Amino acid sequence: MFKAIVIDKDASAYQARLADLSDEQLPDGDVTVRVSYSTLNYKDGLAVSGQGPVVRQFPMVPGIDFVGTVEASTDSRYRHGDKVLLNGWGVGEAHWGGLAQKARVKGDWLIPLPLGMTERQAMAIGTAGYTSMLCLMALERHGVRPDHGKVLVTGANGGVGSFAIALLARNGYSVIAATGRPEEAEYLKQLGAETIIHRAELSEPGRPLGKERWAAAIDSVGSHTLANVCAGTQAEGAVAACGLAQGMDLPATVAPFILRGVSLLGVNSVTQPYLRRVEAWNRLCAELDLEKLIDITREITLEQSLQSAQDLLQGKVRGRLVVDVNR
């Protein structure tokens, strides 16, 4: 038997609870993993609370990423005792995920835990840090360099935003952080932000084209914020879009794209090719100050994740929540 958060739904209720499950209940897969840590992301908060259409079948174990040790494998790439991690691939949505003491998944979805990184550090980074690195890599592939100008990060106090600031600063970029919590300005500056602006400057309907304020941006908010970010981007700049905290809509015009040559780069953290996943995680291991993860991480238990999911959606969480599934 093992413990897991289980989401059920029937005609009368949507419920997430801590439950005991048996190995026989695990879904099909090539590799069985004894999970060490998972984490809470925005999508997990939506899944646990039922506030968004994340879960596609029931019952479901949420948790879009996890790290742990291979317990059994029919995939030749992984053997008993290997340390592995997973991000995305529909786990926690269509396939049982990481908020459990065990998981069974396809070997194609896994990558080895980078050498020099602990399991807890991997989940302190989690999908949030991984997505931030994918955004940075997308900007780099587009040709954005530190000498082109400032880079804006929206949702700066969230998981993606926190890591984006740290990674951009580490790579020599001058960072503008947009936040709705100005009292956190010192925290954002410690991460590497040079300038702090209030999210209200971006979150309301704006002009089709605004003053050129930044060379590039990483946006995890969407909706009016993303539209205003694009409108304020310099000519030939780029915006990496990876989230929808404000909404899925994009109430924008084509003006930034056809008058300034701004590029909107969509970043998908769910189904990236194996080699890109490995590159992103190896870079995270090399470019993040792993000791500083302590400052942006709080550890919780499986049971605590039920309430913490609500707190996350209400904007009460700063940085990262790591779930020790064995506590």
Protein backbone atom coordinates (compact mmCIF):
# COMPACT_ATOMS: atom_id res chain seq x y z
CA MET A 1 0.00 0.00 0.00
CA PHE A 2 1.05 3.60 -0.56
CA LYS A 3 -0.42 7.04 0.12
CA ALA A 4 -1.63 9.43 -2.55
CA ILE A 5 -3.84 12.42 -3.14
CA VAL A 6 -6.84 11.13 -5.09
CA ILE A 7 -9.38 13.25 -6.95
CA ASP A 8 -12.87 11.83 -7.51
CA LYS A 9 -15.90 13.29 -9.20
CA ASP A 10 -19.52 12.19 -9.38
CA ALA A 11 -22.82 13.87 -10.13
CA SER A 12 -22.89 15.60 -6.76
CA ALA A 13 -19.32 16.51 -5.85
CA TYR A 14 -15.68 17.03 -6.83
CA GLN A 15 -13.38 15.85 -4.04
CA ALA A 16 -9.65 15.64 -3.42
CA ARG A 17 -8.51 13.53 -0.46
CA LEU A 18 -5.56 11.66 1.01
CA ALA A 19 -6.04 7.93 0.39
CA ASP A 20 -4.31 4.55 0.64
CA LEU A 21 -3.83 2.75 -2.67
CA SER A 22 -2.37 -0.60 -3.71
CA ASP A 23 0.28 -1.29 -6.36
CA GLU A 24 -2.35 -3.14 -8.37
CA GLN A 25 -4.24 0.13 -8.82
CA LEU A 26 -1.33 1.88 -10.54
CA PRO A 27 -1.91 2.65 -14.23
CA ASP A 28 -0.04 0.97 -17.08
CA GLY A 29 3.56 1.99 -17.74
CA ASP A 30 7.10 0.73 -18.38
CA VAL A 31 8.68 2.08 -15.20
CA THR A 32 7.52 2.05 -11.57
CA VAL A 33 9.07 4.82 -9.46
CA ARG A 34 9.24 5.13 -5.70
CA VAL A 35 8.54 8.86 -5.49
CA SER A 36 10.65 10.98 -3.14
CA TYR A 37 9.30 14.47 -3.81
CA SER A 38 6.70 16.22 -5.90
CA THR A 39 5.68 19.85 -5.96
CA LEU A 40 2.66 22.12 -6.31
CA ASN A 41 2.35 24.13 -9.51
CA TYR A 42 -0.50 26.40 -10.59
CA LYS A 43 -1.97 23.58 -12.68
CA ASP A 44 -1.89 21.29 -9.63
CA GLY A 45 -3.77 23.93 -7.67
CA LEU A 46 -6.47 23.99 -10.35
CA ALA A 47 -6.64 20.19 -10.36
CA VAL A 48 -6.89 19.75 -6.59
CA SER A 49 -9.42 22.56 -6.14
CA GLY A 50 -11.52 21.73 -9.18
CA GLN A 51 -11.39 25.39 -10.25
CA GLY A 52 -10.13 24.55 -13.74
CA PRO A 53 -10.77 21.77 -16.26
CA VAL A 54 -7.37 20.15 -15.69
CA VAL A 55 -8.29 16.58 -14.74
CA ARG A 56 -9.54 14.64 -17.75
CA GLN A 57 -10.49 11.34 -16.14
CA PHE A 58 -11.35 10.07 -12.68
CA PRO A 59 -10.14 8.92 -10.26
CA MET A 60 -6.92 10.89 -10.71
CA VAL A 61 -3.72 11.34 -8.73
CA PRO A 62 -2.58 14.95 -9.38
CA GLY A 63 0.99 16.22 -9.56
CA ILE A 64 2.53 17.21 -12.89
CA ASP A 65 6.09 16.39 -11.88
CA PHE A 66 8.04 14.15 -9.52
CA VAL A 67 11.47 12.75 -8.73
CA GLY A 68 12.35 9.39 -7.28
CA THR A 69 14.05 6.01 -7.60
CA VAL A 70 13.24 3.31 -10.15
CA GLU A 71 11.67 0.35 -8.40
CA ALA A 72 10.93 -1.79 -11.46
CA SER A 73 11.41 -1.30 -15.21
CA THR A 74 10.83 -3.06 -18.51
CA ASP A 75 12.47 -0.11 -20.32
CA SER A 76 16.11 -0.93 -21.09
CA ARG A 77 17.18 2.69 -20.41
CA TYR A 78 16.27 2.49 -16.72
CA ARG A 79 17.24 0.01 -14.05
CA HIS A 80 16.33 -0.59 -10.44
CA GLY A 81 17.92 2.13 -8.28
CA ASP A 82 18.24 4.79 -11.01
CA LYS A 83 17.29 8.34 -9.98
CA VAL A 84 14.80 9.84 -12.43
CA LEU A 85 12.54 12.86 -12.81
CA LEU A 86 9.49 13.74 -14.85
CA ASN A 87 7.77 16.94 -15.98
CA GLY A 88 4.53 17.08 -17.90
CA TRP A 89 3.37 14.42 -20.38
CA GLY A 90 -0.18 14.61 -19.03
CA VAL A 91 0.61 13.15 -15.62
CA GLY A 92 -1.77 14.54 -13.04
CA GLU A 93 -4.27 15.22 -15.84
CA ALA A 94 -4.81 12.08 -17.93
CA HIS A 95 -2.33 9.75 -16.20
CA TRP A 96 -1.70 9.37 -12.45
CA GLY A 97 0.90 11.86 -11.29
CA GLY A 98 3.42 12.66 -8.60
CA LEU A 99 1.42 13.53 -5.48
CA ALA A 100 1.82 9.94 -4.32
CA GLN A 101 4.44 7.65 -2.88
CA LYS A 102 4.53 5.62 -6.11
CA ALA A 103 4.04 6.30 -9.81
CA ARG A 104 4.03 4.11 -12.91
CA VAL A 105 4.74 5.88 -16.21
CA LYS A 106 6.18 5.43 -19.69
CA GLY A 107 9.97 5.40 -19.81
CA ASP A 108 9.84 7.94 -22.66
CA TRP A 109 8.53 10.54 -20.18
CA LEU A 110 11.50 10.24 -17.81
CA ILE A 111 15.00 11.66 -17.82
CA PRO A 112 17.90 10.89 -15.46
CA LEU A 113 18.33 13.17 -12.48
CA PRO A 114 21.30 15.44 -13.33
CA LEU A 115 24.57 14.63 -11.58
CA GLY A 116 25.23 17.11 -8.79
CA MET A 117 21.55 17.75 -8.08
CA THR A 118 19.66 16.24 -5.15
CA GLU A 119 16.10 14.97 -5.43
CA ARG A 120 14.80 17.77 -3.21
CA GLN A 121 16.61 20.38 -5.29
CA ALA A 122 15.06 18.96 -8.44
CA MET A 123 11.57 19.47 -7.09
CA ALA A 124 12.45 22.85 -5.59
CA ILE A 125 13.07 23.70 -9.26
CA GLY A 126 10.26 21.54 -10.64
CA THR A 127 8.17 22.40 -13.66
CA ALA A 128 8.34 26.09 -12.73
CA GLY A 129 12.12 26.30 -13.02
CA TYR A 130 12.15 23.93 -15.99
CA THR A 131 9.62 26.12 -17.82
CA SER A 132 11.66 29.22 -17.05
CA MET A 133 14.75 27.61 -18.58
CA LEU A 134 12.76 26.60 -21.67
CA CYS A 135 11.67 30.25 -22.01
CA LEU A 136 15.26 31.47 -21.72
CA MET A 137 16.37 28.91 -24.31
CA ALA A 138 13.57 30.05 -26.65
CA LEU A 139 14.71 33.68 -26.36
CA GLU A 140 18.30 32.62 -26.99
CA ARG A 141 17.33 30.63 -30.09
CA HIS A 142 15.59 33.77 -31.35
CA GLY A 143 18.85 35.66 -30.92
CA VAL A 144 18.05 37.78 -27.84
CA ARG A 145 21.26 38.86 -26.09
CA PRO A 146 21.92 40.83 -22.89
CA ASP A 147 23.17 43.84 -24.84
CA HIS A 148 19.84 44.18 -26.66
CA GLY A 149 18.15 45.71 -23.61
CA LYS A 150 16.08 44.88 -20.57
CA VAL A 151 13.98 41.73 -20.21
CA LEU A 152 10.58 41.89 -18.50
CA VAL A 153 9.33 39.05 -16.28
CA THR A 154 5.62 39.03 -15.40
CA GLY A 155 4.16 37.10 -12.48
CA ALA A 156 7.48 37.77 -10.82
CA ASN A 157 6.59 36.39 -7.39
CA GLY A 158 5.36 33.07 -8.74
CA GLY A 159 7.45 29.98 -9.31
CA VAL A 160 8.12 30.59 -13.02
CA GLY A 161 8.77 34.28 -12.43
CA SER A 162 11.20 33.72 -9.55
CA PHE A 163 13.31 31.30 -11.56
CA ALA A 164 13.13 33.42 -14.71
CA ILE A 165 14.58 36.38 -12.83
CA ALA A 166 17.40 34.30 -11.35
CA LEU A 167 18.29 32.62 -14.65
CA LEU A 168 18.19 35.83 -16.69
CA ALA A 169 20.35 37.67 -14.14
CA ARG A 170 22.80 34.74 -14.05
CA ASN A 171 23.16 35.02 -17.83
CA GLY A 172 23.84 38.76 -17.76
CA TYR A 173 20.41 40.19 -18.59
CA SER A 174 19.00 43.31 -16.95
CA VAL A 175 15.62 42.27 -15.52
CA ILE A 176 12.39 44.21 -14.95
CA ALA A 177 10.05 42.35 -12.58
CA ALA A 178 6.28 42.97 -12.71
CA THR A 179 4.46 42.04 -9.51
CA GLY A 180 1.22 42.72 -7.69
CA ARG A 181 3.06 42.54 -4.38
CA PRO A 182 5.38 45.56 -4.21
CA GLU A 183 6.21 44.66 -0.59
CA GLU A 184 8.23 41.78 -2.08
CA ALA A 185 10.53 44.13 -3.99
CA GLU A 186 13.57 43.30 -1.87
CA TYR A 187 13.06 39.57 -2.44
CA LEU A 188 12.87 40.12 -6.20
CA LYS A 189 16.01 42.24 -6.16
CA GLN A 190 17.83 39.51 -4.25
CA LEU A 191 16.89 37.14 -7.07
CA GLY A 192 18.44 39.53 -9.58
CA ALA A 193 15.77 42.03 -10.67
CA GLU A 194 17.06 45.57 -11.26
CA THR A 195 13.70 47.30 -11.68
CA ILE A 196 10.30 46.59 -10.10
CA ILE A 197 6.99 47.69 -11.67
CA HIS A 198 3.43 47.07 -10.49
CA ARG A 199 1.43 44.56 -12.48
CA ALA A 200 -1.40 47.09 -12.71
CA GLU A 201 0.64 48.83 -15.42
CA LEU A 202 0.03 45.79 -17.62
CA SER A 203 -3.11 44.03 -16.43
CA GLU A 204 -5.79 46.39 -17.81
CA PRO A 205 -6.78 47.01 -21.44
CA GLY A 206 -4.08 49.06 -23.12
CA ARG A 207 -3.07 50.60 -26.43
CA PRO A 208 -2.40 48.43 -29.49
CA LEU A 209 1.15 49.77 -29.51
CA GLY A 210 2.94 51.38 -26.58
CA LYS A 211 6.31 52.87 -25.79
CA GLU A 212 9.22 50.48 -26.41
CA ARG A 213 10.23 49.51 -22.87
CA TRP A 214 11.98 46.11 -23.06
CA ALA A 215 13.87 44.04 -25.59
CA ALA A 216 12.22 40.77 -24.58
CA ALA A 217 9.93 39.25 -21.99
CA ILE A 218 8.95 36.03 -20.25
CA ASP A 219 5.21 36.01 -19.54
CA SER A 220 3.31 33.50 -17.40
CA VAL A 221 0.14 35.59 -17.09
CA GLY A 222 -1.56 35.85 -20.48
CA SER A 223 -4.68 37.90 -21.30
CA HIS A 224 -4.36 41.72 -21.14
CA THR A 225 -0.95 41.41 -19.52
CA LEU A 226 0.50 39.50 -22.48
CA ALA A 227 -1.14 41.93 -24.91
CA ASN A 228 0.47 44.90 -23.14
CA VAL A 229 3.82 43.10 -22.88
CA CYS A 230 3.85 42.64 -26.66
CA ALA A 231 2.78 46.26 -27.18
CA GLY A 232 5.73 47.47 -25.09
CA THR A 233 8.40 45.27 -26.69
CA GLN A 234 11.16 46.86 -28.75
CA ALA A 235 11.44 46.36 -32.51
CA GLU A 236 12.59 42.84 -33.44
CA GLY A 237 12.20 41.77 -29.83
CA ALA A 238 10.58 38.58 -28.58
CA VAL A 239 8.15 37.46 -25.91
CA ALA A 240 8.21 33.91 -24.54
CA ALA A 241 4.69 33.02 -23.38
CA CYS A 242 4.20 30.07 -21.04
CA GLY A 243 1.17 30.68 -18.82
CA LEU A 244 -2.37 31.93 -18.37
CA ALA A 245 -2.72 33.03 -14.75
CA GLN A 246 -4.82 36.04 -15.80
CA GLY A 247 -6.67 34.20 -18.56
CA MET A 248 -6.43 32.21 -21.77
CA ASP A 249 -7.61 35.06 -23.96
CA LEU A 250 -5.27 37.39 -25.85
CA PRO A 251 -7.08 40.72 -26.43
CA ALA A 252 -4.37 42.14 -28.68
CA THR A 253 -3.89 43.50 -32.20
CA VAL A 254 -1.34 42.54 -34.82
CA ALA A 255 0.33 45.96 -34.48
CA PRO A 256 3.41 44.85 -32.47
CA PHE A 257 4.02 41.96 -34.84
CA ILE A 258 3.67 43.73 -38.19
CA LEU A 259 4.86 47.24 -37.26
CA ARG A 260 7.79 46.31 -34.99
CA GLY A 261 8.53 42.73 -35.96
CA VAL A 262 7.93 41.47 -32.43
CA SER A 263 7.88 37.67 -32.16
CA LEU A 264 5.58 35.78 -29.82
CA LEU A 265 7.23 32.50 -28.84
CA GLY A 266 4.97 29.84 -27.36
CA VAL A 267 6.71 27.63 -24.79
CA ASN A 268 5.29 24.16 -24.16
CA SER A 269 6.71 22.48 -21.07
CA VAL A 270 4.61 19.32 -21.40
CA THR A 271 5.96 17.39 -24.40
CA GLN A 272 9.47 18.63 -25.10
CA PRO A 273 11.89 16.30 -26.96
CA TYR A 274 14.14 14.18 -24.76
CA LEU A 275 17.40 15.95 -25.67
CA ARG A 276 15.93 19.39 -24.99
CA ARG A 277 14.65 18.23 -21.60
CA VAL A 278 18.09 16.90 -20.72
CA GLU A 279 19.75 20.14 -21.91
CA ALA A 280 17.35 22.27 -19.88
CA TRP A 281 17.90 20.29 -16.69
CA ASN A 282 21.68 20.16 -17.11
CA ARG A 283 21.69 23.93 -17.55
CA LEU A 284 19.51 24.36 -14.46
CA CYS A 285 22.03 22.30 -12.51
CA ALA A 286 24.92 24.41 -13.80
CA GLU A 287 23.38 27.90 -13.82
CA LEU A 288 21.25 28.04 -10.68
CA ASP A 289 22.78 28.63 -7.28
CA LEU A 290 21.27 25.47 -5.82
CA GLU A 291 21.98 26.62 -2.27
CA LYS A 292 19.70 29.62 -2.83
CA LEU A 293 16.79 27.30 -3.49
CA ILE A 294 16.35 27.22 0.27
CA ASP A 295 15.28 30.88 0.16
CA ILE A 296 12.45 30.31 -2.31
CA THR A 297 11.23 26.90 -1.12
CA ARG A 298 8.90 25.64 1.58
CA GLU A 299 8.46 21.92 2.24
CA ILE A 300 5.00 20.49 2.96
CA THR A 301 3.44 17.05 3.42
CA LEU A 302 1.02 15.23 1.14
CA GLU A 303 -1.87 16.07 3.44
CA GLN A 304 -0.89 19.75 3.61
CA SER A 305 -0.91 19.93 -0.18
CA LEU A 306 -4.73 19.94 -0.12
CA GLN A 307 -4.92 23.32 1.63
CA SER A 308 -1.77 24.65 0.00
CA ALA A 309 -3.35 24.17 -3.42
CA GLN A 310 -6.05 26.65 -2.41
CA ASP A 311 -3.45 29.08 -1.05
CA LEU A 312 -1.54 28.90 -4.32
CA LEU A 313 -4.56 29.93 -6.38
CA GLN A 314 -5.28 32.80 -3.99
CA GLY A 315 -1.80 34.24 -4.46
CA LYS A 316 -0.71 33.49 -0.90
CA VAL A 317 2.36 31.45 -1.86
CA ARG A 318 5.77 32.95 -2.59
CA GLY A 319 8.26 30.86 -4.51
CA ARG A 320 8.06 27.07 -4.46
CA LEU A 321 6.21 24.39 -2.51
CA VAL A 322 8.03 21.04 -2.38
CA VAL A 323 5.92 18.07 -1.30
CA ASP A 324 7.72 15.36 0.68
CA VAL A 325 5.35 12.52 -0.18
CA ASN A 326 6.80 10.27 2.50
CA ARG A 327 6.02 12.56 5.45
